[in-house]
Protein backbone atom coordinates (compact mmCIF):
# COMPACT_ATOMS: atom_id res chain seq x y z
CA UNK A 1 0.02 -0.23 0.05
CA UNK A 2 1.61 3.14 -1.00
CA UNK A 3 0.54 6.39 0.69
CA UNK A 4 0.57 9.64 -1.33
CA UNK A 5 1.22 12.54 1.45
CA UNK A 6 0.87 15.16 -1.49
CA UNK A 7 -2.70 13.93 -2.20
CA UNK A 8 -3.63 13.85 1.63
CA UNK A 9 -1.90 17.19 2.33
CA UNK A 10 -3.82 18.60 -0.75
CA UNK A 11 -7.23 17.20 0.21
CA UNK A 12 -7.02 18.04 3.88
CA UNK A 13 -4.76 21.23 3.93
CA UNK A 14 -7.28 23.49 5.43
CA UNK A 15 -8.42 20.99 8.24
CA UNK A 16 -4.88 20.51 9.14
CA UNK A 17 -4.10 24.06 9.41
CA UNK A 18 -7.00 24.51 11.52
CA UNK A 19 -6.26 21.73 14.07
CA UNK A 20 -2.48 23.18 14.28
CA UNK A 21 -3.78 26.65 15.03
CA UNK A 22 -6.23 25.40 17.63
CA UNK A 23 -3.70 23.23 19.47
CA UNK A 24 -1.09 26.13 19.21
CA UNK A 25 -3.80 28.46 20.95
CA UNK A 26 -4.63 25.88 23.51
CA UNK A 27 -0.92 25.67 24.34
CA UNK A 28 -0.08 29.17 24.64
CA UNK A 29 -3.02 31.64 24.83
CA UNK A 30 -6.02 29.80 26.64
CA UNK A 31 -7.36 26.35 27.23
CA UNK A 32 -10.05 24.69 29.08
CA UNK A 33 -9.87 22.08 32.07
CA UNK A 34 -11.94 19.68 33.89
CA UNK A 35 -11.52 20.45 37.83
CA UNK A 36 -10.10 16.93 39.08
CA UNK A 37 -10.93 17.36 42.74
CA UNK A 38 -13.31 18.69 45.22
CA UNK A 39 -10.82 20.80 47.02
CA UNK A 40 -12.40 24.08 45.76
CA UNK A 41 -15.84 23.27 47.06
CA UNK A 42 -18.24 24.95 47.46
CA UNK A 43 -17.25 27.65 44.66
CA UNK A 44 -15.99 25.26 41.94
CA UNK A 45 -17.15 21.53 42.04
CA UNK A 46 -15.34 18.60 40.76
CA UNK A 47 -16.15 18.00 37.01
CA UNK A 48 -16.54 21.58 36.13
CA UNK A 49 -15.20 23.25 33.15
CA UNK A 50 -12.96 26.07 33.73
CA UNK A 51 -11.30 28.56 30.84
CA UNK A 52 -7.52 29.12 31.70
CA UNK A 53 -5.86 32.20 30.59
CA UNK A 54 -2.33 30.68 29.73
CA UNK A 55 -0.85 34.10 29.29
CA UNK A 56 -1.68 35.25 32.83
CA UNK A 57 1.89 34.97 34.09
CA UNK A 58 4.46 34.37 31.19
CA UNK A 59 4.68 33.53 27.82
CA UNK A 60 5.67 30.05 26.87
CA UNK A 61 7.26 28.27 23.69
CA UNK A 62 4.31 26.48 22.41
CA UNK A 63 3.95 22.83 23.43
CA UNK A 64 6.15 23.10 26.33
CA UNK A 65 6.46 24.46 29.74
CA UNK A 66 9.53 26.66 28.87
CA UNK A 67 8.95 30.25 29.63
CA UNK A 68 9.85 33.11 27.30
CA UNK A 69 9.03 36.07 29.05
CA UNK A 70 7.64 36.51 32.61
CA UNK A 71 4.46 38.61 32.79
CA UNK A 72 3.63 38.46 36.30
CA UNK A 73 3.19 36.64 39.51
CA UNK A 74 0.21 35.01 41.06
CA UNK A 75 -1.49 37.30 43.59
CA UNK A 76 -3.56 36.47 46.60
CA UNK A 77 -7.12 35.38 45.54
CA UNK A 78 -6.07 34.34 42.04
CA UNK A 79 -7.20 30.81 41.08
CA UNK A 80 -4.44 28.90 39.52
CA UNK A 81 -4.03 25.72 37.34
CA UNK A 82 -0.83 23.58 37.42
CA UNK A 83 0.26 20.02 37.03
CA UNK A 84 1.12 18.18 40.14
CA UNK A 85 4.04 15.61 40.07
CA UNK A 86 2.83 14.08 43.41
CA UNK A 87 -0.65 13.30 42.30
CA UNK A 88 -0.18 13.15 38.74
CA UNK A 89 -3.08 15.49 38.02
CA UNK A 90 -3.55 19.12 36.82
CA UNK A 91 -4.78 20.77 40.10
CA UNK A 92 -6.89 23.89 40.47
CA UNK A 93 -6.23 25.88 43.64
CA UNK A 94 -6.82 29.40 44.99
CA UNK A 95 -3.62 31.46 46.27
CA UNK A 96 -4.02 32.30 49.72
CA UNK A 97 -0.39 33.18 50.74
CA UNK A 98 2.61 34.78 48.47
CA UNK A 99 6.42 34.67 49.17
CA UNK A 100 7.33 35.93 52.59
CA UNK A 101 3.65 35.17 54.34
CA UNK A 102 3.13 32.80 57.29
CA UNK A 103 -0.14 30.71 56.69
CA UNK A 104 -1.66 28.44 59.29
CA UNK A 105 -4.69 26.98 60.55
CA UNK A 106 -5.88 27.73 64.23
CA UNK A 107 -8.75 26.09 65.58
CA UNK A 108 -10.14 25.42 62.06
CA UNK A 109 -9.76 29.26 60.96
CA UNK A 110 -7.31 30.22 58.24
CA UNK A 111 -4.50 32.81 59.34
CA UNK A 112 -2.60 34.69 57.59
CA UNK A 113 0.88 36.70 58.89
CA UNK A 114 -1.10 36.35 62.36
CA UNK A 115 -4.50 37.81 61.34
CA UNK A 116 -7.53 35.53 61.03
CA UNK A 117 -9.09 35.61 57.57
CA UNK A 118 -12.83 37.33 58.18
CA UNK A 119 -16.00 36.51 56.18
CA UNK A 120 -18.90 38.60 55.80
CA UNK A 121 -22.41 37.21 54.62
CA UNK A 122 -24.04 39.62 52.05
CA UNK A 123 -26.78 37.69 50.53
CA UNK A 124 -28.81 34.59 51.54
CA UNK A 125 -31.36 33.17 49.31
CA UNK A 126 -33.23 29.63 49.59
CA UNK A 127 -30.58 27.83 47.77
CA UNK A 128 -27.34 29.89 48.45
CA UNK A 129 -25.42 32.40 50.41
CA UNK A 130 -22.92 34.89 49.08
CA UNK A 131 -19.83 35.56 51.45
CA UNK A 132 -17.08 37.87 51.10
CA UNK A 133 -13.74 36.58 52.06
CA UNK A 134 -11.29 39.12 53.25
CA UNK A 135 -7.94 38.07 52.58
CA UNK A 136 -5.14 40.48 53.58
CA UNK A 137 -5.23 43.18 50.85
CA UNK A 138 -7.38 41.16 48.68
CA UNK A 139 -11.36 40.55 49.01
CA UNK A 140 -13.44 38.19 46.86
CA UNK A 141 -16.73 36.54 46.80
CA UNK A 142 -17.53 33.04 47.58
CA UNK A 143 -20.89 31.44 46.70
CA UNK A 144 -22.22 28.68 48.95
CA UNK A 145 -24.76 26.21 47.66
């Protein structure tokens, strides 16, 4: 069986170029991922699909983890996606501490740099409650179902 690569290329050039552009886009600019664990409950649930901005912190060589240019660092409150060698999964986590912070749990309360994180209830409905989490220097919303 003799395969003619020129004929295959000529017949599928548009499709193959579109697939190359799609995979390059997903590798460098944006991607979507399923959340593998329930560690972000109740705001992000296991199995949820999230959109990831791949250029939020650096510009990378397509199809690698090699950084070309650093564009920023994760900040407190950011939700990040990273590959875990320990669990062999892609994990989704929220940043609560930055370099130099002391983070601990005291009596089941999050404490950052000696200051307990405060929560304020803003809206309660029959099926959910909106809480504002006040991390040092960064407030964000949490919806409890």
